[in-house]
Amino acid sequence: MANDDRIEIVWDGLEEMLGLLDGFEDEFFRHLKNELTQYGLLVEEGARALAPRDTGDLEQSIHFDAAKRVGDRVIVEGGTNMEYALKRHEAPYSSGTHDKHDNGALFPNYYVNGRGKRTRSKSTWRGFQAGRKYLSNAVTATEEEFEQAIARALEKTLGGV
C-alpha cells in the first residue's frame, strides 16, 4: 500500500557511478606520488641552497628520494647521511668573530656570529639565509608549493588529466 506522505527518489546509474569510482584511490595516490616527488626535488634544491658551505660536501650530499606509498600515506624522504650534518642543522649560532684553523693555515675573522665566510657569501633562497636549520627552512619556504602539489594531485584525479 502506497503512502501519499512520502517522496521516493531513485538514483538510476548508481552502479555505473560506483564503477567510475573504482580505482579512484589508486589513481589519486599515483598522482600524489608524482607531485610529491617533484616537491621533494624543490626541497632538495632549497636545502642545498641553504646549507652551510665550507668545502661544499654537505650541499652535495643532500638528496631526496622519489615519493613512495606506504599504506594510506605517501612519504618523501630526504636529507644527508654526513656525520656532522645534524650538528650543523641543530647547533646554536655562536656569537662574535672567530678565526678558522685549517691544515695549519689561519684564516682570521672567518666566522661571524656562527657563519663562515663562504656560507655568508651564499645568496638568500626565498628570503632565508644559508646556515643552521637549512632543511627546516627549505620546507618552510615551500609550504605553498606543498599545498599546490596536493591540490594538483586531486585535480588530476577528479579531472582525469
Protein backbone atom coordinates (compact mmCIF):
# COMPACT_ATOMS: atom_id res chain seq x y z
CA MET A 1 0.00 0.00 0.00
CA ALA A 2 1.46 3.39 -1.03
CA ASN A 3 1.91 6.21 1.44
CA ASP A 4 0.99 9.60 -0.04
CA ASP A 5 3.10 11.44 2.55
CA ARG A 6 6.46 10.39 1.19
CA ILE A 7 8.62 11.12 -1.78
CA GLU A 8 10.80 8.43 -3.25
CA ILE A 9 13.94 9.35 -5.11
CA VAL A 10 15.61 6.67 -7.15
CA TRP A 11 19.08 7.21 -8.50
CA ASP A 12 19.44 5.34 -11.73
CA GLY A 13 23.05 4.71 -12.66
CA LEU A 14 24.42 4.23 -9.14
CA GLU A 15 26.20 1.04 -10.20
CA GLU A 16 27.83 2.89 -13.09
CA MET A 17 28.92 5.68 -10.73
CA LEU A 18 30.45 3.20 -8.29
CA GLY A 19 32.27 1.64 -11.21
CA LEU A 20 33.76 5.02 -12.11
CA LEU A 21 34.98 5.47 -8.54
CA ASP A 22 36.61 2.05 -8.56
CA GLY A 23 40.34 2.69 -8.82
CA PHE A 24 39.94 6.31 -7.72
CA GLU A 25 42.17 5.75 -4.71
CA ASP A 26 44.95 4.16 -6.75
CA GLU A 27 44.82 6.95 -9.31
CA PHE A 28 44.92 9.62 -6.60
CA PHE A 29 47.95 8.01 -4.95
CA ARG A 30 49.69 7.76 -8.33
CA HIS A 31 49.19 11.48 -8.96
CA LEU A 32 50.13 12.32 -5.37
CA LYS A 33 53.39 10.34 -5.62
CA ASN A 34 54.31 12.20 -8.81
CA GLU A 35 53.50 15.59 -7.33
CA LEU A 36 55.31 14.94 -4.05
CA THR A 37 58.37 13.61 -5.88
CA GLN A 38 58.58 16.96 -7.67
CA TYR A 39 58.03 18.76 -4.38
CA GLY A 40 60.86 16.75 -2.81
CA LEU A 41 63.19 17.93 -5.57
CA LEU A 42 62.25 21.53 -4.78
CA VAL A 43 63.00 20.99 -1.08
CA GLU A 44 66.31 19.37 -2.09
CA GLU A 45 67.16 22.47 -4.13
CA GLY A 46 66.30 24.70 -1.20
CA ALA A 47 68.20 22.63 1.35
CA ARG A 48 71.31 22.72 -0.84
CA ALA A 49 70.98 26.47 -1.31
CA LEU A 50 70.56 27.00 2.43
CA ALA A 51 73.16 24.51 3.70
CA PRO A 52 76.28 25.95 5.28
CA ARG A 53 79.22 25.94 2.87
CA ASP A 54 82.79 25.19 3.77
CA THR A 55 84.02 22.54 1.34
CA GLY A 56 80.68 22.01 -0.39
CA ASP A 57 80.47 18.37 0.70
CA LEU A 58 77.37 18.92 2.81
CA GLU A 59 75.50 20.62 -0.04
CA GLN A 60 76.36 17.84 -2.46
CA SER A 61 75.29 15.12 -0.04
CA ILE A 62 71.69 16.35 0.25
CA HIS A 63 69.35 14.10 -1.70
CA PHE A 64 65.62 13.39 -1.73
CA ASP A 65 64.17 10.08 -2.94
CA ALA A 66 61.09 9.64 -5.08
CA ALA A 67 57.85 9.65 -3.12
CA LYS A 68 56.51 6.23 -2.18
CA ARG A 69 53.21 4.93 -0.94
CA VAL A 70 53.25 3.20 2.42
CA GLY A 71 49.74 2.02 3.28
CA ASP A 72 47.46 5.03 3.25
CA ARG A 73 50.35 7.52 3.30
CA VAL A 74 52.73 8.98 0.75
CA ILE A 75 56.23 9.63 2.06
CA VAL A 76 59.08 11.69 0.64
CA GLU A 77 62.37 11.08 2.40
CA GLY A 78 65.47 13.14 2.04
CA GLY A 79 68.40 14.72 3.73
CA THR A 80 72.03 13.75 4.13
CA ASN A 81 73.99 10.99 5.80
CA MET A 82 77.04 13.10 6.63
CA GLU A 83 78.05 12.80 10.29
CA TYR A 84 78.18 16.50 11.05
CA ALA A 85 75.01 17.41 9.11
CA LEU A 86 72.72 17.12 12.13
CA LYS A 87 75.14 19.14 14.25
CA ARG A 88 75.28 21.88 11.60
CA HIS A 89 71.48 21.85 11.41
CA GLU A 90 70.78 21.99 15.14
CA ALA A 91 73.73 23.69 16.85
CA PRO A 92 73.03 27.20 18.07
CA TYR A 93 74.93 30.03 16.46
CA SER A 94 77.94 31.28 18.36
CA SER A 95 78.26 34.99 18.78
CA GLY A 96 81.21 37.11 17.89
CA THR A 97 84.02 36.80 15.38
CA HIS A 98 86.36 33.80 15.33
CA ASP A 99 89.34 32.58 13.34
CA LYS A 100 89.40 29.42 11.27
CA HIS A 101 92.29 26.98 11.51
CA ASP A 102 92.58 24.53 8.61
CA ASN A 103 95.59 22.26 7.94
CA GLY A 104 97.92 24.62 9.74
CA ALA A 105 96.60 27.72 7.98
CA LEU A 106 94.98 30.56 9.89
CA PHE A 107 92.06 32.49 8.45
CA PRO A 108 91.47 35.44 10.76
CA ASN A 109 87.91 36.62 11.44
CA TYR A 110 86.50 33.82 9.24
CA TYR A 111 83.40 33.12 11.37
CA VAL A 112 80.97 35.91 12.19
CA ASN A 113 78.10 35.04 14.53
CA GLY A 114 78.39 31.35 13.67
CA ARG A 115 78.53 31.64 9.89
CA GLY A 116 81.73 31.13 7.94
CA LYS A 117 82.83 33.39 5.12
CA ARG A 118 81.69 31.01 2.36
CA THR A 119 78.28 30.49 4.00
CA ARG A 120 77.79 34.24 4.36
CA SER A 121 78.65 34.72 0.69
CA LYS A 122 75.77 32.49 -0.47
CA SER A 123 72.67 34.18 -1.85
CA THR A 124 69.44 34.01 0.10
CA TRP A 125 66.87 31.46 -1.05
CA ARG A 126 63.26 32.58 -0.83
CA GLY A 127 64.17 35.05 1.87
CA PHE A 128 66.21 32.64 4.01
CA GLN A 129 69.94 32.92 4.67
CA ALA A 130 72.22 29.92 4.41
CA GLY A 131 73.20 28.37 7.72
CA ARG A 132 71.52 26.47 10.52
CA LYS A 133 68.10 24.83 10.09
CA TYR A 134 68.74 24.53 6.34
CA LEU A 135 66.37 21.57 5.94
CA SER A 136 63.62 23.05 8.11
CA ASN A 137 63.90 26.40 6.34
CA ALA A 138 63.65 24.75 2.91
CA VAL A 139 60.38 23.11 3.97
CA THR A 140 59.05 26.34 5.48
CA ALA A 141 59.94 28.28 2.32
CA THR A 142 57.99 25.81 0.15
CA GLU A 143 54.79 25.39 2.17
CA GLU A 144 52.69 26.98 -0.57
CA GLU A 145 54.14 24.63 -3.19
CA PHE A 146 53.28 21.68 -0.95
CA GLU A 147 49.64 22.77 -0.78
CA GLN A 148 49.61 23.29 -4.54
CA ALA A 149 51.03 19.81 -5.12
CA ILE A 150 48.23 18.23 -3.08
CA ALA A 151 45.61 20.28 -4.94
CA ARG A 152 47.07 19.33 -8.33
CA ALA A 153 47.03 15.64 -7.45
CA LEU A 154 43.36 15.86 -6.51
CA GLU A 155 42.52 17.94 -9.57
CA LYS A 156 44.26 15.49 -11.89
CA THR A 157 42.38 12.61 -10.29
CA LEU A 158 38.99 14.24 -10.47
CA GLY A 159 39.56 15.84 -13.84
CA GLY A 160 41.14 12.82 -15.46
CA VAL A 161 44.09 14.91 -16.63
